[in-house]
Amino acid sequence: ASALAATSPFGTWTRPSTGDQIEFYDCGGNLCAKIVNVKDPANASTVGVVIINGAQQTGNNVWQGDLLDPQAGKSFSGTISMEGADKLKLHGCVIAFLCSDEHWTRAQ
């Protein structure tokens, strides 16, 4: 893998809480992500849903923007950060003191 790929969020990632696969891609110089595969057939209607639309890079391997939880139908203010070539951390907050983290792995 190239050095760029090692620090880039672009590609397909697996969300551990649902088993869904999310593709991260460049959208006008910002970071976007959409659901490309779901583990639970009951969630098939979410394939193609954009869950991150235009997160802006705010630091080295860090992006900030709104994160959509399609199951809850709500958007949260969040941060996406690389924690290694195959580890991605999403940190989202409903309000300043009600936050949670989720660690995703790069799909093989």
N, C-alpha and C. Protein backbone atom coordinates (compact mmCIF):
# COMPACT_ATOMS: atom_id res chain seq x y z
N ALA A 1 0.85 -1.19 0.00
CA ALA A 1 0.00 0.00 0.00
C ALA A 1 0.88 1.23 0.00
N SER A 2 0.42 2.24 -0.69
CA SER A 2 1.19 3.48 -0.75
C SER A 2 1.06 4.23 0.56
N ALA A 3 1.94 5.21 0.77
CA ALA A 3 1.89 6.03 1.98
C ALA A 3 0.58 6.81 2.02
N LEU A 4 0.10 7.27 0.85
CA LEU A 4 -1.17 8.00 0.81
C LEU A 4 -2.31 7.12 1.28
N ALA A 5 -2.37 5.91 0.80
CA ALA A 5 -3.44 5.00 1.20
C ALA A 5 -3.38 4.71 2.69
N ALA A 6 -2.18 4.69 3.26
CA ALA A 6 -2.03 4.39 4.67
C ALA A 6 -2.65 5.48 5.55
N THR A 7 -2.71 6.70 5.05
CA THR A 7 -3.25 7.80 5.85
C THR A 7 -4.55 8.35 5.27
N SER A 8 -5.11 7.71 4.29
CA SER A 8 -6.31 8.20 3.62
C SER A 8 -7.54 7.44 4.10
N PRO A 9 -8.64 8.16 4.33
CA PRO A 9 -9.87 7.48 4.69
C PRO A 9 -10.61 6.92 3.47
N PHE A 10 -10.15 7.25 2.27
CA PHE A 10 -10.85 6.83 1.06
C PHE A 10 -10.81 5.32 0.91
N GLY A 11 -11.95 4.75 0.58
CA GLY A 11 -12.07 3.30 0.44
C GLY A 11 -13.29 2.83 1.21
N THR A 12 -13.39 1.52 1.40
CA THR A 12 -14.55 0.91 2.04
C THR A 12 -14.21 0.47 3.45
N TRP A 13 -15.09 0.80 4.38
CA TRP A 13 -14.91 0.52 5.80
C TRP A 13 -16.09 -0.26 6.34
N THR A 14 -15.87 -1.05 7.39
CA THR A 14 -16.94 -1.82 8.03
C THR A 14 -17.29 -1.19 9.36
N ARG A 15 -18.59 -0.93 9.53
CA ARG A 15 -19.10 -0.39 10.80
C ARG A 15 -19.39 -1.57 11.72
N PRO A 16 -18.68 -1.69 12.85
CA PRO A 16 -18.82 -2.88 13.69
C PRO A 16 -20.20 -3.05 14.33
N SER A 17 -20.90 -1.97 14.62
CA SER A 17 -22.19 -2.09 15.31
C SER A 17 -23.27 -2.68 14.41
N THR A 18 -23.12 -2.54 13.09
CA THR A 18 -24.15 -3.05 12.17
C THR A 18 -23.62 -4.06 11.17
N GLY A 19 -22.30 -4.07 10.95
CA GLY A 19 -21.71 -4.92 9.92
C GLY A 19 -21.84 -4.31 8.53
N ASP A 20 -22.42 -3.11 8.43
CA ASP A 20 -22.58 -2.44 7.14
C ASP A 20 -21.23 -1.98 6.61
N GLN A 21 -21.13 -1.86 5.28
CA GLN A 21 -19.92 -1.35 4.65
C GLN A 21 -20.21 0.04 4.08
N ILE A 22 -19.28 0.95 4.36
CA ILE A 22 -19.42 2.35 4.00
C ILE A 22 -18.24 2.75 3.12
N GLU A 23 -18.53 3.37 1.98
CA GLU A 23 -17.47 3.85 1.09
C GLU A 23 -17.22 5.33 1.35
N PHE A 24 -15.95 5.66 1.67
CA PHE A 24 -15.52 7.04 1.86
C PHE A 24 -14.88 7.51 0.56
N TYR A 25 -15.23 8.72 0.13
CA TYR A 25 -14.73 9.24 -1.15
C TYR A 25 -14.60 10.75 -1.09
N ASP A 26 -13.83 11.30 -2.05
CA ASP A 26 -13.65 12.74 -2.17
C ASP A 26 -14.87 13.35 -2.83
N CYS A 27 -15.35 14.45 -2.26
CA CYS A 27 -16.46 15.18 -2.87
C CYS A 27 -16.12 16.66 -2.84
N GLY A 28 -15.57 17.13 -3.93
CA GLY A 28 -15.22 18.55 -4.03
C GLY A 28 -14.14 18.98 -3.07
N GLY A 29 -13.19 18.09 -2.77
CA GLY A 29 -12.12 18.41 -1.85
C GLY A 29 -12.46 18.13 -0.40
N ASN A 30 -13.68 17.69 -0.14
CA ASN A 30 -14.10 17.32 1.21
C ASN A 30 -14.29 15.81 1.29
N LEU A 31 -14.74 15.33 2.43
CA LEU A 31 -14.92 13.90 2.65
C LEU A 31 -16.40 13.57 2.69
N CYS A 32 -16.79 12.59 1.88
CA CYS A 32 -18.16 12.08 1.87
C CYS A 32 -18.12 10.57 2.08
N ALA A 33 -19.26 10.02 2.50
CA ALA A 33 -19.35 8.57 2.71
C ALA A 33 -20.79 8.13 2.48
N LYS A 34 -20.92 6.94 1.87
CA LYS A 34 -22.26 6.38 1.64
C LYS A 34 -22.24 4.89 1.95
N ILE A 35 -23.42 4.39 2.29
CA ILE A 35 -23.57 2.96 2.58
C ILE A 35 -23.57 2.21 1.26
N VAL A 36 -22.70 1.19 1.15
CA VAL A 36 -22.63 0.41 -0.09
C VAL A 36 -23.06 -1.04 0.08
N ASN A 37 -23.14 -1.51 1.33
CA ASN A 37 -23.55 -2.90 1.57
C ASN A 37 -24.06 -3.00 3.01
N VAL A 38 -25.14 -3.74 3.21
CA VAL A 38 -25.68 -3.92 4.55
C VAL A 38 -25.69 -5.40 4.91
N LYS A 39 -25.49 -5.68 6.20
CA LYS A 39 -25.50 -7.06 6.67
C LYS A 39 -26.93 -7.56 6.87
N ASP A 40 -27.79 -6.68 7.39
CA ASP A 40 -29.18 -7.04 7.67
C ASP A 40 -30.06 -6.68 6.47
N PRO A 41 -30.67 -7.66 5.81
CA PRO A 41 -31.51 -7.39 4.64
C PRO A 41 -32.65 -6.40 4.94
N ALA A 42 -33.06 -6.30 6.20
CA ALA A 42 -34.13 -5.36 6.57
C ALA A 42 -33.69 -3.90 6.36
N ASN A 43 -32.38 -3.68 6.28
CA ASN A 43 -31.84 -2.32 6.08
C ASN A 43 -31.43 -2.07 4.63
N ALA A 44 -31.87 -2.91 3.71
CA ALA A 44 -31.47 -2.79 2.30
C ALA A 44 -31.80 -1.42 1.72
N SER A 45 -32.83 -0.78 2.23
CA SER A 45 -33.22 0.54 1.69
C SER A 45 -32.20 1.62 2.01
N THR A 46 -31.25 1.34 2.90
CA THR A 46 -30.24 2.36 3.24
C THR A 46 -29.02 2.31 2.31
N VAL A 47 -28.93 1.29 1.45
CA VAL A 47 -27.82 1.23 0.50
C VAL A 47 -27.90 2.44 -0.42
N GLY A 48 -26.79 3.15 -0.53
CA GLY A 48 -26.74 4.36 -1.34
C GLY A 48 -26.96 5.63 -0.55
N VAL A 49 -27.39 5.52 0.71
CA VAL A 49 -27.62 6.70 1.54
C VAL A 49 -26.29 7.33 1.91
N VAL A 50 -26.18 8.63 1.69
CA VAL A 50 -24.97 9.38 2.05
C VAL A 50 -25.05 9.69 3.54
N ILE A 51 -24.05 9.23 4.31
CA ILE A 51 -24.06 9.46 5.75
C ILE A 51 -23.10 10.57 6.17
N ILE A 52 -22.16 10.92 5.30
CA ILE A 52 -21.26 12.06 5.53
C ILE A 52 -21.23 12.83 4.22
N ASN A 53 -21.56 14.11 4.29
CA ASN A 53 -21.65 14.90 3.07
C ASN A 53 -20.83 16.18 3.21
N GLY A 54 -19.58 16.13 2.80
CA GLY A 54 -18.76 17.33 2.78
C GLY A 54 -18.05 17.66 4.06
N ALA A 55 -17.59 16.65 4.80
CA ALA A 55 -16.80 16.92 6.01
C ALA A 55 -15.50 17.61 5.59
N GLN A 56 -15.12 18.63 6.33
CA GLN A 56 -13.93 19.40 5.99
C GLN A 56 -12.73 18.95 6.81
N GLN A 57 -11.57 18.91 6.16
CA GLN A 57 -10.35 18.53 6.86
C GLN A 57 -9.96 19.66 7.80
N THR A 58 -9.77 19.33 9.08
CA THR A 58 -9.46 20.32 10.09
C THR A 58 -8.07 20.12 10.70
N GLY A 59 -7.42 19.04 10.29
CA GLY A 59 -6.09 18.74 10.82
C GLY A 59 -5.50 17.58 10.05
N ASN A 60 -4.33 17.11 10.51
CA ASN A 60 -3.67 15.98 9.88
C ASN A 60 -4.50 14.72 10.12
N ASN A 61 -5.12 14.19 9.07
CA ASN A 61 -5.95 12.99 9.14
C ASN A 61 -7.18 13.16 10.01
N VAL A 62 -7.75 14.38 10.06
CA VAL A 62 -8.95 14.67 10.84
C VAL A 62 -9.91 15.48 9.98
N TRP A 63 -11.20 15.09 9.99
CA TRP A 63 -12.25 15.78 9.25
C TRP A 63 -13.40 16.05 10.20
N GLN A 64 -14.12 17.14 9.97
CA GLN A 64 -15.25 17.48 10.82
C GLN A 64 -16.47 17.79 9.96
N GLY A 65 -17.62 17.30 10.41
CA GLY A 65 -18.86 17.55 9.68
C GLY A 65 -20.01 16.83 10.35
N ASP A 66 -21.13 16.76 9.64
CA ASP A 66 -22.31 16.08 10.17
C ASP A 66 -22.29 14.61 9.77
N LEU A 67 -22.67 13.75 10.71
CA LEU A 67 -22.75 12.30 10.50
C LEU A 67 -24.21 11.89 10.63
N LEU A 68 -24.72 11.18 9.65
CA LEU A 68 -26.11 10.72 9.67
C LEU A 68 -26.16 9.29 10.17
N ASP A 69 -27.04 9.05 11.13
CA ASP A 69 -27.34 7.69 11.57
C ASP A 69 -28.65 7.31 10.90
N PRO A 70 -28.59 6.52 9.80
CA PRO A 70 -29.82 6.23 9.05
C PRO A 70 -30.85 5.43 9.84
N GLN A 71 -30.43 4.62 10.80
CA GLN A 71 -31.38 3.85 11.59
C GLN A 71 -32.19 4.78 12.50
N ALA A 72 -31.53 5.78 13.07
CA ALA A 72 -32.21 6.73 13.96
C ALA A 72 -32.83 7.88 13.18
N GLY A 73 -32.34 8.10 11.95
CA GLY A 73 -32.83 9.21 11.15
C GLY A 73 -32.37 10.56 11.66
N LYS A 74 -31.25 10.58 12.36
CA LYS A 74 -30.75 11.82 12.94
C LYS A 74 -29.32 12.08 12.50
N SER A 75 -28.97 13.37 12.43
CA SER A 75 -27.61 13.79 12.13
C SER A 75 -26.95 14.30 13.41
N PHE A 76 -25.66 14.05 13.50
CA PHE A 76 -24.88 14.45 14.65
C PHE A 76 -23.66 15.21 14.19
N SER A 77 -23.21 16.16 14.99
CA SER A 77 -21.95 16.84 14.72
C SER A 77 -20.85 15.84 15.04
N GLY A 78 -19.87 15.70 14.13
CA GLY A 78 -18.88 14.66 14.38
C GLY A 78 -17.51 14.94 13.82
N THR A 79 -16.60 14.07 14.21
CA THR A 79 -15.22 14.11 13.76
C THR A 79 -14.84 12.72 13.27
N ILE A 80 -14.13 12.68 12.15
CA ILE A 80 -13.61 11.44 11.59
C ILE A 80 -12.10 11.55 11.65
N SER A 81 -11.44 10.55 12.21
CA SER A 81 -9.98 10.61 12.28
C SER A 81 -9.38 9.25 11.99
N MET A 82 -8.25 9.27 11.30
CA MET A 82 -7.50 8.04 11.02
C MET A 82 -6.67 7.69 12.25
N GLU A 83 -6.70 6.42 12.63
CA GLU A 83 -5.90 5.95 13.76
C GLU A 83 -4.95 4.85 13.30
N GLY A 84 -4.58 4.89 12.04
CA GLY A 84 -3.72 3.89 11.44
C GLY A 84 -4.24 3.58 10.05
N ALA A 85 -3.50 2.78 9.31
CA ALA A 85 -3.87 2.48 7.92
C ALA A 85 -5.25 1.82 7.82
N ASP A 86 -5.62 1.01 8.81
CA ASP A 86 -6.86 0.25 8.74
C ASP A 86 -7.81 0.52 9.89
N LYS A 87 -7.63 1.65 10.58
CA LYS A 87 -8.49 2.01 11.71
C LYS A 87 -8.99 3.45 11.53
N LEU A 88 -10.29 3.60 11.68
CA LEU A 88 -10.94 4.90 11.53
C LEU A 88 -11.80 5.11 12.77
N LYS A 89 -11.76 6.31 13.34
CA LYS A 89 -12.57 6.63 14.51
C LYS A 89 -13.59 7.69 14.15
N LEU A 90 -14.86 7.41 14.45
CA LEU A 90 -15.91 8.40 14.30
C LEU A 90 -16.36 8.80 15.70
N HIS A 91 -16.39 10.11 15.93
CA HIS A 91 -16.80 10.67 17.21
C HIS A 91 -17.97 11.60 16.93
N GLY A 92 -19.13 11.28 17.49
CA GLY A 92 -20.31 12.08 17.23
C GLY A 92 -20.98 12.54 18.50
N CYS A 93 -21.57 13.74 18.44
CA CYS A 93 -22.25 14.32 19.61
C CYS A 93 -23.63 14.84 19.22
N VAL A 94 -24.63 14.48 20.01
CA VAL A 94 -25.97 15.05 19.84
C VAL A 94 -25.92 16.47 20.40
N ILE A 95 -25.39 16.60 21.60
CA ILE A 95 -25.08 17.88 22.22
C ILE A 95 -23.72 17.72 22.89
N ALA A 96 -23.13 18.80 23.30
CA ALA A 96 -21.73 18.80 23.74
C ALA A 96 -21.37 17.69 24.73
N PHE A 97 -22.26 17.35 25.65
CA PHE A 97 -21.90 16.36 26.66
C PHE A 97 -22.47 14.97 26.38
N LEU A 98 -23.17 14.79 25.27
CA LEU A 98 -23.74 13.49 24.93
C LEU A 98 -23.08 13.00 23.64
N CYS A 99 -21.91 12.34 23.82
CA CYS A 99 -21.08 11.94 22.68
C CYS A 99 -20.75 10.46 22.75
N SER A 100 -20.36 9.90 21.62
CA SER A 100 -19.88 8.51 21.60
C SER A 100 -18.88 8.34 20.46
N ASP A 101 -18.07 7.31 20.60
CA ASP A 101 -17.06 6.97 19.60
C ASP A 101 -17.40 5.61 19.00
N GLU A 102 -16.98 5.43 17.76
CA GLU A 102 -17.09 4.12 17.12
C GLU A 102 -15.83 3.94 16.28
N HIS A 103 -15.22 2.77 16.39
CA HIS A 103 -13.99 2.47 15.66
C HIS A 103 -14.30 1.51 14.52
N TRP A 104 -13.99 1.92 13.31
CA TRP A 104 -14.27 1.12 12.12
C TRP A 104 -12.98 0.55 11.58
N THR A 105 -13.07 -0.56 10.84
CA THR A 105 -11.91 -1.18 10.20
C THR A 105 -12.08 -1.16 8.69
N ARG A 106 -10.95 -1.06 8.01
CA ARG A 106 -10.98 -1.06 6.56
C ARG A 106 -11.44 -2.43 6.07
N ALA A 107 -12.39 -2.45 5.14
CA ALA A 107 -12.89 -3.71 4.57
C ALA A 107 -11.81 -4.33 3.69
N GLN A 108 -11.75 -5.64 3.70
CA GLN A 108 -10.73 -6.35 2.91
C GLN A 108 -11.24 -6.66 1.52
